[in-house]
Amino acid sequence: MSGSNGWVPRLGVLVSYLRTEEKLILADARGRGIPVTPLFDKELVLDFAAPTAAASGVDVDVVLDRCVAHARAGYAIRAFERWGIPTLNSAESVHLCDDKAENSLALEAAGIPTPRTVLAFTMESALKACELGGYPAVLKPVAGSWGRLLAKVNGPEQANAVIAQKLELGSVGHGVMYIQEFVPKPDRDIRAYVVGERVLAA
């Protein structure tokens, strides 16, 4: 893979650790003659005062984000973009996808149907929000994945207990109550990968 002048971009793959998928990406890139380097998030030292990424120890031309640590990836990608390094995905896309509230606002603005979603910021307003969509309701943190700290509440008593626990945790994110209607479904989880207007895999 090269441009018309024979130049081949150096690919950096931002990772937390090498899973099977990352190993396959690295092997495929090398098989295509693309210089590729894994960029382990735990080893990065990103000096904002450095004039270039290379001066901060990252000597690549483009970065593919495969990092599982959302906060680390978000900050690293912003730094790479500040140094003029294209990233896949962009910092804006990563931020939009990492924040459930931002994501829901974008989907709503685009007219894409999603479960009814309500934000609230106190115990009292969160209980009212649960009543809006009716019980059961689903409470989620605005950041995070893999179902961590997600709770289905079947009534006001359960909602009160879960909300109280979130507020007790004390972090900024836990002070934002992201509440969705519960959608009954068969015992399955369907994930579709959409690029543009095409579903490439599901």
Foldseek 3Di string as FASTA:
>chain_A
DADPVRHAFAEEEEEQDDDPVNVVVVVVCVVVVHHYYYDHLVPFDQDLPDLAVVSRPDPGQEYEYPYPPLVSSLVVQVSNVVRVRHYVVHSVVSVCVQFQVSVVVVCVVVVHDDFDKDKDQDLVVLLVVCPVLDPQKWWDFRGDDPCPLIDGDGDSVRSSVSLVVLVVVPDPRSRMTIMGHDDDDPPDDDDFDDDPHDTPGD
